[in-house]
Amino acid sequence: MAKIRILLADDHAVLRTGLRLLLNAQPDVEVVGEAADGAEAMVKARALRPDVILMDLTMPGIGGLEATGRIKGESPGIKVLVLTMHDDPSYLRQLLQAGASGYVLKKSADADVLSAIRAAHRGGVFLDSSLAGALVDEVVRPVGRGRPRDAYETLSDREREVLKWVARGPTNQEIAEKLFLSVKTIETHRARLAEKLGLRGRAELVRFAMERGLLQQTD
């Protein structure tokens, strides 16, 4: 029986090493390559043609969300499973829209990653049990009830830029480095975004950004 060929994409070498040992110990799975960021993952996907990619969500440069969308656009047959510490259902919804076959939380990776890989390889979708119910709620609950439809027009250009990066998933420190600002300035912009848009927390900011198509914009 042919083994399921895996590409690991994560910026933490120690995690990649642990996953490689875990996966290569299985009779039906083998790791054929590794990547340290989204750009390298795209290159390795073209060269190695893996069956499944285990993709970290937050990596330097091109992150997991953007890399997933690009890889699926070029090679629809490659399955992408996102492995991340983020347990926000808004990210899950974005990743499914980008073509991902599932979402595994790093805290439960030892228990779930093999089941997720096998499910994806069969053409299924794997959802972490702690997020499945939240995803349903994301779909059926009205978004931003009571929010002014023109709220986005009240934002400055910088606030719109910060909103776009917040929705993509980087930390405040990473956003500050990308925009050449201080972490304190990013925190201030996020607080103003929440006030102007009438939103609470990252999840609602992400939903708002999705509505406006900000995640599809290129830099």
Protein backbone atom coordinates (compact mmCIF):
# COMPACT_ATOMS: atom_id res chain seq x y z
CA MET A 1 0.00 0.00 0.00
CA ALA A 2 1.35 3.43 -0.95
CA LYS A 3 2.08 5.70 1.99
CA ILE A 4 0.47 9.10 2.50
CA ARG A 5 3.18 11.63 1.60
CA ILE A 6 3.39 14.58 4.00
CA LEU A 7 4.98 18.03 3.77
CA LEU A 8 5.52 19.79 7.12
CA ALA A 9 5.33 23.61 7.06
CA ASP A 10 6.10 25.29 10.39
CA ASP A 11 8.66 27.88 11.45
CA HIS A 12 9.59 25.92 14.59
CA ALA A 13 12.23 23.29 13.80
CA VAL A 14 11.65 21.45 17.09
CA LEU A 15 7.98 20.98 16.29
CA ARG A 16 8.78 19.75 12.79
CA THR A 17 11.23 17.24 14.23
CA GLY A 18 8.64 15.92 16.69
CA LEU A 19 6.01 15.60 13.99
CA ARG A 20 8.43 13.87 11.64
CA LEU A 21 9.25 11.26 14.30
CA LEU A 22 5.57 10.73 15.10
CA LEU A 23 4.48 10.43 11.49
CA ASN A 24 7.35 8.33 10.18
CA ALA A 25 6.63 5.78 12.90
CA GLN A 26 3.28 5.02 11.21
CA PRO A 27 3.09 2.27 8.58
CA ASP A 28 0.91 4.31 6.19
CA VAL A 29 2.52 7.78 6.47
CA GLU A 30 5.87 9.30 5.52
CA VAL A 31 7.27 12.84 5.70
CA VAL A 32 8.78 13.78 2.34
CA GLY A 33 9.81 17.37 3.09
CA GLU A 34 9.80 20.35 5.42
CA ALA A 35 9.32 24.11 5.03
CA ALA A 36 9.95 26.96 7.47
CA ASP A 37 7.45 29.46 6.01
CA GLY A 38 4.62 29.81 3.53
CA ALA A 39 6.82 30.77 0.59
CA GLU A 40 9.00 27.70 1.04
CA ALA A 41 5.89 25.55 1.47
CA MET A 42 4.64 26.67 -1.94
CA VAL A 43 8.00 25.83 -3.55
CA LYS A 44 8.16 22.43 -1.86
CA ALA A 45 4.54 21.69 -2.79
CA ARG A 46 5.37 22.20 -6.46
CA ALA A 47 8.55 20.13 -6.29
CA LEU A 48 7.42 17.24 -4.07
CA ARG A 49 3.70 16.98 -4.87
CA PRO A 50 2.77 15.72 -1.37
CA ASP A 51 -0.61 14.19 -0.65
CA VAL A 52 -1.14 16.28 2.49
CA ILE A 53 0.51 19.44 3.85
CA LEU A 54 0.52 20.14 7.59
CA MET A 55 0.54 23.94 7.56
CA ASP A 56 1.16 26.29 10.48
CA LEU A 57 -1.16 29.31 10.44
CA THR A 58 1.24 32.01 11.66
CA MET A 59 4.67 32.02 10.00
CA PRO A 60 7.10 34.78 8.94
CA GLY A 61 6.39 36.35 5.57
CA ILE A 62 3.63 34.47 3.80
CA GLY A 63 1.43 32.90 6.48
CA GLY A 64 -0.54 29.68 6.40
CA LEU A 65 -3.81 31.20 5.22
CA GLU A 66 -2.33 32.85 2.14
CA ALA A 67 -0.10 29.85 1.36
CA THR A 68 -3.08 27.50 1.59
CA GLY A 69 -5.09 29.54 -0.88
CA ARG A 70 -2.21 29.74 -3.36
CA ILE A 71 -1.35 26.05 -3.14
CA LYS A 72 -4.95 24.99 -3.58
CA GLY A 73 -5.25 27.34 -6.54
CA GLU A 74 -2.26 25.73 -8.24
CA SER A 75 -2.77 22.13 -7.10
CA PRO A 76 -6.35 21.39 -6.00
CA GLY A 77 -5.51 17.75 -5.38
CA ILE A 78 -3.10 18.53 -2.55
CA LYS A 79 -4.84 18.45 0.82
CA VAL A 80 -3.90 21.09 3.40
CA LEU A 81 -4.39 20.62 7.13
CA VAL A 82 -3.72 23.62 9.32
CA LEU A 83 -1.89 22.97 12.58
CA THR A 84 -2.07 25.94 14.94
CA MET A 85 -2.38 27.20 18.48
CA HIS A 86 -5.23 29.59 17.55
CA ASP A 87 -8.64 28.34 18.69
CA ASP A 88 -10.66 31.16 17.09
CA PRO A 89 -13.46 29.75 14.89
CA SER A 90 -13.16 32.74 12.56
CA TYR A 91 -9.79 31.42 11.40
CA LEU A 92 -11.32 28.02 10.75
CA ARG A 93 -13.97 29.57 8.52
CA GLN A 94 -11.34 31.50 6.54
CA LEU A 95 -9.21 28.41 6.08
CA LEU A 96 -12.10 26.29 4.87
CA GLN A 97 -12.95 29.03 2.38
CA ALA A 98 -9.31 28.95 1.21
CA GLY A 99 -9.61 25.21 0.56
CA ALA A 100 -8.13 23.66 3.70
CA SER A 101 -9.25 20.15 4.64
CA GLY A 102 -9.22 20.74 8.37
CA TYR A 103 -7.84 22.45 11.42
CA VAL A 104 -5.85 20.73 14.20
CA LEU A 105 -4.98 22.54 17.42
CA LYS A 106 -1.35 22.10 18.45
CA LYS A 107 -2.39 21.34 22.01
CA SER A 108 -4.19 18.21 20.81
CA ALA A 109 -1.96 17.37 17.85
CA ASP A 110 -0.62 14.13 19.36
CA ALA A 111 -4.14 12.74 19.58
CA ASP A 112 -5.67 14.22 16.43
CA VAL A 113 -3.06 14.72 13.73
CA LEU A 114 -3.03 11.15 12.40
CA SER A 115 -6.82 10.98 12.25
CA ALA A 116 -6.86 14.35 10.51
CA ILE A 117 -4.27 13.28 7.91
CA ARG A 118 -6.11 10.08 7.09
CA ALA A 119 -9.45 11.88 6.88
CA ALA A 120 -8.04 14.54 4.56
CA HIS A 121 -6.37 11.95 2.36
CA ARG A 122 -9.74 10.20 1.95
CA GLY A 123 -11.26 13.50 0.82
CA GLY A 124 -12.93 14.36 4.12
CA VAL A 125 -12.69 17.38 6.42
CA PHE A 126 -11.34 17.22 9.96
CA LEU A 127 -12.61 19.74 12.51
CA ASP A 128 -11.33 19.95 16.06
CA SER A 129 -14.25 18.95 18.27
CA SER A 130 -13.88 22.07 20.42
CA LEU A 131 -14.43 24.29 17.36
CA ALA A 132 -17.07 22.45 15.34
CA GLY A 133 -20.00 23.85 17.35
CA ALA A 134 -18.54 27.34 17.29
CA LEU A 135 -18.25 27.17 13.52
CA VAL A 136 -21.95 26.39 13.21
CA ASP A 137 -22.69 29.38 15.41
CA GLU A 138 -20.48 31.57 13.19
CA VAL A 139 -22.56 30.57 10.16
CA VAL A 140 -26.04 30.96 11.60
CA ARG A 141 -25.59 33.97 13.91
CA PRO A 142 -26.08 37.42 12.37
CA VAL A 143 -22.74 39.19 12.07
CA GLY A 144 -22.23 42.57 13.72
CA ARG A 145 -25.89 43.07 14.67
CA GLY A 146 -26.60 46.76 15.08
CA ARG A 147 -23.35 47.92 13.53
CA PRO A 148 -23.56 50.83 11.06
CA ARG A 149 -23.05 49.59 7.51
CA ASP A 150 -20.75 52.53 6.72
CA ALA A 151 -18.54 52.07 9.78
CA TYR A 152 -15.58 51.15 7.60
CA GLU A 153 -15.67 54.61 6.02
CA THR A 154 -14.82 56.15 9.40
CA LEU A 155 -11.43 54.39 9.51
CA SER A 156 -8.17 56.06 8.56
CA ASP A 157 -5.89 54.44 5.99
CA ARG A 158 -3.58 53.26 8.76
CA GLU A 159 -6.47 51.80 10.76
CA ARG A 160 -7.64 49.90 7.68
CA GLU A 161 -4.13 48.54 7.19
CA VAL A 162 -3.91 47.43 10.81
CA LEU A 163 -7.35 45.81 10.56
CA LYS A 164 -6.21 43.80 7.54
CA TRP A 165 -3.13 42.51 9.37
CA VAL A 166 -5.02 41.74 12.58
CA ALA A 167 -7.46 39.61 10.60
CA ARG A 168 -4.63 37.65 8.96
CA GLY A 169 -3.41 36.40 12.32
CA PRO A 170 0.03 37.85 13.20
CA THR A 171 0.75 39.00 16.75
CA ASN A 172 0.92 42.70 17.66
CA GLN A 173 4.73 42.44 17.64
CA GLU A 174 4.75 40.94 14.13
CA ILE A 175 2.33 43.59 12.83
CA ALA A 176 4.46 46.33 14.38
CA GLU A 177 7.55 44.99 12.60
CA LYS A 178 5.75 44.77 9.24
CA LEU A 179 4.42 48.33 9.48
CA PHE A 180 7.51 49.82 11.17
CA LEU A 181 5.49 50.95 14.16
CA SER A 182 5.72 50.32 17.89
CA VAL A 183 3.70 47.59 19.59
CA LYS A 184 2.02 50.31 21.68
CA THR A 185 0.88 52.07 18.49
CA ILE A 186 -0.61 48.84 17.15
CA GLU A 187 -2.45 48.30 20.44
CA THR A 188 -3.82 51.85 20.22
CA HIS A 189 -5.02 51.31 16.65
CA ARG A 190 -6.73 48.07 17.65
CA ALA A 191 -8.52 49.80 20.51
CA ARG A 192 -9.71 52.54 18.12
CA LEU A 193 -10.87 49.93 15.61
CA ALA A 194 -12.94 48.21 18.27
CA GLU A 195 -14.47 51.53 19.34
CA LYS A 196 -15.21 52.86 15.85
CA LEU A 197 -16.65 49.60 14.53
CA GLY A 198 -18.50 48.61 17.70
CA LEU A 199 -16.75 45.23 17.76
CA ARG A 200 -15.47 43.12 20.60
CA GLY A 201 -12.35 40.98 20.27
CA ARG A 202 -10.34 39.54 17.39
CA ALA A 203 -13.13 37.22 16.20
CA GLU A 204 -15.49 40.10 15.37
CA LEU A 205 -12.68 42.11 13.74
CA VAL A 206 -11.90 39.08 11.56
CA ARG A 207 -15.54 38.66 10.52
CA PHE A 208 -15.74 42.35 9.64
CA ALA A 209 -12.56 42.11 7.55
CA MET A 210 -13.96 39.08 5.73
CA GLU A 211 -17.16 40.97 4.89
CA ARG A 212 -15.12 43.78 3.39
CA GLY A 213 -12.93 41.39 1.36
CA LEU A 214 -9.76 42.61 3.08
CA LEU A 215 -8.27 39.11 3.32
CA GLN A 216 -8.31 38.77 -0.46
CA GLN A 217 -6.36 41.98 -0.98
CA THR A 218 -2.68 41.74 -1.89
CA ASP A 219 -0.05 43.99 -0.38
